[in-house]
C-alpha atoms as a PDB file:
ATOM      1  CA  MET A   1     -36.247 167.140 -91.144  1.00  0.00           C
ATOM      2  CA  ALA A   2     -36.719 167.820 -87.669  1.00  0.00           C
ATOM      3  CA  ALA A   3     -34.992 165.427 -84.918  1.00  0.00           C
ATOM      4  CA  ASP A   4     -36.769 163.307 -82.617  1.00  0.00           C
ATOM      5  CA  VAL A   5     -38.272 164.794 -79.201  1.00  0.00           C
ATOM      6  CA  ARG A   6     -38.165 162.653 -76.457  1.00  0.00           C
ATOM      7  CA  VAL A   7     -40.284 163.707 -73.431  1.00  0.00           C
ATOM      8  CA  PRO A   8     -39.925 161.594 -70.018  1.00  0.00           C
ATOM      9  CA  ILE A   9     -43.599 161.140 -68.492  1.00  0.00           C
ATOM     10  CA  GLU A  10     -43.767 160.871 -64.708  1.00  0.00           C
ATOM     11  CA  SER A  11     -46.503 163.643 -63.930  1.00  0.00           C
ATOM     12  CA  ASP A  12     -49.424 165.869 -65.160  1.00  0.00           C
ATOM     13  CA  ALA A  13     -46.558 168.486 -65.914  1.00  0.00           C
ATOM     14  CA  ASP A  14     -45.069 166.159 -68.210  1.00  0.00           C
ATOM     15  CA  ILE A  15     -48.316 165.414 -70.081  1.00  0.00           C
ATOM     16  CA  VAL A  16     -48.638 169.035 -70.981  1.00  0.00           C
ATOM     17  CA  THR A  17     -44.962 169.118 -72.101  1.00  0.00           C
ATOM     18  CA  ALA A  18     -45.586 166.445 -74.482  1.00  0.00           C
ATOM     19  CA  ARG A  19     -48.723 167.914 -75.737  1.00  0.00           C
ATOM     20  CA  GLN A  20     -46.958 170.788 -76.330  1.00  0.00           C
ATOM     21  CA  GLN A  21     -43.835 169.384 -77.945  1.00  0.00           C
ATOM     22  CA  GLY A  22     -46.137 167.219 -80.270  1.00  0.00           C
ATOM     23  CA  ARG A  23     -48.036 170.214 -81.314  1.00  0.00           C
ATOM     24  CA  ALA A  24     -45.148 172.045 -82.162  1.00  0.00           C
ATOM     25  CA  LEU A  25     -43.278 169.402 -84.163  1.00  0.00           C
ATOM     26  CA  ALA A  26     -46.650 168.806 -86.056  1.00  0.00           C
ATOM     27  CA  ALA A  27     -46.735 172.232 -86.987  1.00  0.00           C
ATOM     28  CA  THR A  28     -43.097 172.359 -88.226  1.00  0.00           C
ATOM     29  CA  VAL A  29     -44.229 168.961 -90.280  1.00  0.00           C
ATOM     30  CA  GLY A  30     -47.160 171.206 -91.704  1.00  0.00           C
ATOM     31  CA  PHE A  31     -50.276 170.334 -90.222  1.00  0.00           C
ATOM     32  CA  GLY A  32     -53.082 172.873 -89.783  1.00  0.00           C
ATOM     33  CA  ASN A  33     -54.685 174.001 -86.695  1.00  0.00           C
ATOM     34  CA  SER A  34     -57.467 171.689 -86.493  1.00  0.00           C
ATOM     35  CA  GLU A  35     -55.223 168.796 -87.121  1.00  0.00           C
ATOM     36  CA  LEU A  36     -52.615 170.128 -84.571  1.00  0.00           C
ATOM     37  CA  THR A  37     -55.422 169.999 -81.606  1.00  0.00           C
ATOM     38  CA  LEU A  38     -56.363 166.193 -82.563  1.00  0.00           C
ATOM     39  CA  ILE A  39     -52.689 165.365 -82.410  1.00  0.00           C
ATOM     40  CA  ALA A  40     -52.165 167.057 -79.052  1.00  0.00           C
ATOM     41  CA  THR A  41     -55.405 165.498 -77.497  1.00  0.00           C
ATOM     42  CA  ALA A  42     -54.245 161.996 -78.598  1.00  0.00           C
ATOM     43  CA  ILE A  43     -50.849 162.623 -77.217  1.00  0.00           C
ATOM     44  CA  SER A  44     -52.430 163.679 -73.878  1.00  0.00           C
ATOM     45  CA  GLU A  45     -54.353 160.511 -73.576  1.00  0.00           C
ATOM     46  CA  VAL A  46     -51.714 157.986 -73.901  1.00  0.00           C
ATOM     47  CA  ALA A  47     -49.441 160.093 -71.989  1.00  0.00           C
ATOM     48  CA  ARG A  48     -52.035 160.113 -69.011  1.00  0.00           C
ATOM     49  CA  ASN A  49     -52.239 156.421 -69.289  1.00  0.00           C
ATOM     50  CA  ILE A  50     -48.708 156.162 -68.787  1.00  0.00           C
ATOM     51  CA  VAL A  51     -48.964 158.506 -65.454  1.00  0.00           C
ATOM     52  CA  GLU A  52     -52.111 156.659 -64.096  1.00  0.00           C
ATOM     53  CA  HIS A  53     -51.139 153.077 -64.862  1.00  0.00           C
ATOM     54  CA  ALA A  54     -47.229 152.870 -65.277  1.00  0.00           C
ATOM     55  CA  GLY A  55     -46.156 155.850 -63.043  1.00  0.00           C
ATOM     56  CA  ARG A  56     -43.497 156.878 -65.636  1.00  0.00           C
ATOM     57  CA  GLY A  57     -42.475 156.275 -69.316  1.00  0.00           C
ATOM     58  CA  GLU A  58     -41.901 158.313 -72.404  1.00  0.00           C
ATOM     59  CA  VAL A  59     -43.204 159.829 -75.274  1.00  0.00           C
ATOM     60  CA  ILE A  60     -41.284 159.924 -78.664  1.00  0.00           C
ATOM     61  CA  LEU A  61     -42.149 162.373 -81.223  1.00  0.00           C
ATOM     62  CA  SER A  62     -41.018 161.874 -84.950  1.00  0.00           C
ATOM     63  CA  PRO A  63     -41.580 163.465 -88.057  1.00  0.00           C
ATOM     64  CA  THR A  64     -42.186 160.670 -90.997  1.00  0.00           C
ATOM     65  CA  GLU A  65     -42.633 160.575 -94.586  1.00  0.00           C
ATOM     66  CA  ALA A  66     -44.067 157.916 -97.028  1.00  0.00           C
ATOM     67  CA  ASN A  67     -45.488 157.776-100.514  1.00  0.00           C
ATOM     68  CA  ASN A  68     -44.842 161.767-100.582  1.00  0.00           C
ATOM     69  CA  SER A  69     -47.031 162.429 -97.481  1.00  0.00           C
ATOM     70  CA  GLN A  70     -45.774 163.960 -94.328  1.00  0.00           C
ATOM     71  CA  GLY A  71     -46.676 163.063 -91.130  1.00  0.00           C
ATOM     72  CA  ILE A  72     -45.969 162.536 -87.446  1.00  0.00           C
ATOM     73  CA  VAL A  73     -45.202 159.473 -85.364  1.00  0.00           C
ATOM     74  CA  VAL A  74     -46.098 159.465 -81.711  1.00  0.00           C
ATOM     75  CA  VAL A  75     -44.699 156.388 -79.518  1.00  0.00           C
ATOM     76  CA  ALA A  76     -45.716 155.999 -75.772  1.00  0.00           C
ATOM     77  CA  ARG A  77     -44.208 153.655 -73.943  1.00  0.00           C
ATOM     78  CA  ASP A  78     -43.732 152.555 -70.379  1.00  0.00           C
ATOM     79  CA  GLN A  79     -42.446 149.545 -68.418  1.00  0.00           C
ATOM     80  CA  GLY A  80     -45.670 149.203 -66.414  1.00  0.00           C
ATOM     81  CA  PRO A  81     -48.075 146.427 -65.346  1.00  0.00           C
ATOM     82  CA  GLY A  82     -49.041 145.991 -68.990  1.00  0.00           C
ATOM     83  CA  ILE A  83     -52.575 145.482 -70.521  1.00  0.00           C
ATOM     84  CA  PRO A  84     -54.112 141.990 -69.843  1.00  0.00           C
ATOM     85  CA  ASN A  85     -56.919 142.394 -72.409  1.00  0.00           C
ATOM     86  CA  ILE A  86     -56.001 144.667 -75.491  1.00  0.00           C
ATOM     87  CA  GLU A  87     -59.353 144.328 -77.119  1.00  0.00           C
ATOM     88  CA  GLN A  88     -61.195 145.342 -74.031  1.00  0.00           C
ATOM     89  CA  ALA A  89     -59.132 148.226 -73.415  1.00  0.00           C
ATOM     90  CA  LEU A  90     -59.864 149.601 -76.744  1.00  0.00           C
ATOM     91  CA  ARG A  91     -63.449 149.411 -76.057  1.00  0.00           C
ATOM     92  CA  ASP A  92     -65.386 152.790 -75.379  1.00  0.00           C
ATOM     93  CA  GLY A  93     -66.532 153.034 -71.967  1.00  0.00           C
ATOM     94  CA  TYR A  94     -64.083 150.307 -70.837  1.00  0.00           C
ATOM     95  CA  SER A  95     -62.079 151.851 -67.454  1.00  0.00           C
ATOM     96  CA  THR A  96     -59.867 150.372 -64.769  1.00  0.00           C
ATOM     97  CA  ARG A  97     -60.105 153.713 -62.998  1.00  0.00           C
ATOM     98  CA  GLY A  98     -63.593 154.854 -62.875  1.00  0.00           C
ATOM     99  CA  SER A  99     -62.998 157.250 -65.761  1.00  0.00           C
ATOM    100  CA  LEU A 100     -65.110 157.603 -68.843  1.00  0.00           C
ATOM    101  CA  GLY A 101     -62.763 155.114 -70.774  1.00  0.00           C
ATOM    102  CA  LEU A 102     -62.135 157.492 -73.820  1.00  0.00           C
ATOM    103  CA  GLY A 103     -58.005 157.265 -73.453  1.00  0.00           C
ATOM    104  CA  LEU A 104     -56.964 154.617 -76.061  1.00  0.00           C
ATOM    105  CA  PRO A 105     -60.237 154.448 -78.066  1.00  0.00           C
ATOM    106  CA  GLY A 106     -60.046 158.218 -78.380  1.00  0.00           C
ATOM    107  CA  ALA A 107     -56.589 158.457 -79.256  1.00  0.00           C
ATOM    108  CA  ARG A 108     -56.937 155.582 -81.828  1.00  0.00           C
ATOM    109  CA  ARG A 109     -59.964 157.599 -83.452  1.00  0.00           C
ATOM    110  CA  LEU A 110     -58.047 160.985 -83.487  1.00  0.00           C
ATOM    111  CA  MET A 111     -54.953 159.223 -85.392  1.00  0.00           C
ATOM    112  CA  ASP A 112     -54.766 157.493 -88.788  1.00  0.00           C
ATOM    113  CA  GLU A 113     -52.702 154.694 -87.566  1.00  0.00           C
ATOM    114  CA  PHE A 114     -52.665 152.845 -84.243  1.00  0.00           C
ATOM    115  CA  GLU A 115     -50.917 149.898 -82.963  1.00  0.00           C
ATOM    116  CA  ILE A 116     -50.442 148.656 -79.237  1.00  0.00           C
ATOM    117  CA  ALA A 117     -48.280 146.050 -77.899  1.00  0.00           C
ATOM    118  CA  SER A 118     -48.375 145.039 -74.277  1.00  0.00           C
ATOM    119  CA  LYS A 119     -46.932 142.330 -72.122  1.00  0.00           C
ATOM    120  CA  VAL A 120     -48.382 141.852 -68.433  1.00  0.00           C
ATOM    121  CA  GLY A 121     -45.747 142.718 -66.290  1.00  0.00           C
ATOM    122  CA  LYS A 122     -43.484 144.144 -68.847  1.00  0.00           C
ATOM    123  CA  GLY A 123     -44.893 147.280 -70.203  1.00  0.00           C
ATOM    124  CA  THR A 124     -47.043 148.662 -73.201  1.00  0.00           C
ATOM    125  CA  THR A 125     -46.017 150.455 -76.238  1.00  0.00           C
ATOM    126  CA  VAL A 126     -48.384 152.516 -78.453  1.00  0.00           C
ATOM    127  CA  THR A 127     -47.437 153.825 -81.654  1.00  0.00           C
ATOM    128  CA  MET A 128     -49.754 156.399 -83.669  1.00  0.00           C
ATOM    129  CA  LYS A 129     -49.133 158.071 -86.682  1.00  0.00           C
ATOM    130  CA  LYS A 130     -51.066 161.247 -88.444  1.00  0.00           C
ATOM    131  CA  TRP A 131     -50.738 162.091 -91.998  1.00  0.00           C
ATOM    132  CA  ILE A 132     -51.254 165.410 -93.680  1.00  0.00           C
ATOM    133  CA  HIS A 133     -54.498 164.996 -95.829  1.00  0.00           C
ATOM    134  CA  ARG A 134     -54.076 167.409 -98.423  1.00  0.00           C
ATOM    135  CA  ASN A 135     -57.475 169.191 -99.470  1.00  0.00           C
ATOM    136  CA  LEU A 136     -58.859 168.635-102.811  1.00  0.00           C
ATOM    137  CA  THR A 137     -59.135 172.098-103.634  1.00  0.00           C
ATOM    138  CA  GLU A 138     -55.163 172.349-103.462  1.00  0.00           C
ATOM    139  CA  PHE A 139     -55.365 170.237-106.822  1.00  0.00           C
ATOM    140  CA  PRO A 140     -58.096 171.356-108.747  1.00  0.00           C
ATOM    141  CA  LEU A 141     -59.722 168.762-110.789  1.00  0.00           C
ATOM    142  CA  ARG A 142     -59.844 169.471-114.469  1.00  0.00           C
ATOM    143  CA  PRO A 143     -63.135 169.456-116.166  1.00  0.00           C
ATOM    144  CA  ARG A 144     -64.118 166.660-118.620  1.00  0.00           C
ATOM    145  CA  ARG A 145     -64.138 167.216-122.488  1.00  0.00           C
END
């Protein structure tokens, strides 16, 4: 299995790097093109939050496996100001910066698993997972007799 990839995040260029590295790792795990786009977009959203709210942090990308399924884990963490109200931050349309407020709720929708831990004054860690969902046509159903 491929090794973890760590991407320091401090600028918009780092967001692009994290997106590209995540897409490349997800491709080696076996995700299809549409899923690669979803994963890259989710990575962009959480990495952008690091740049905008904390100034710097890191994104860690890892292949994972559970119950005979392959996937990718994305951990975005910073030591920024933290999120005082996580429930509010996960609400569509909520923004502290006048944006569309799609970052965290959008990333949560794009991935299969999403957890956020934050302490005011200490920082935030977002952990997301995406699993490969096999198409049922790969495993044809047998007709009933």
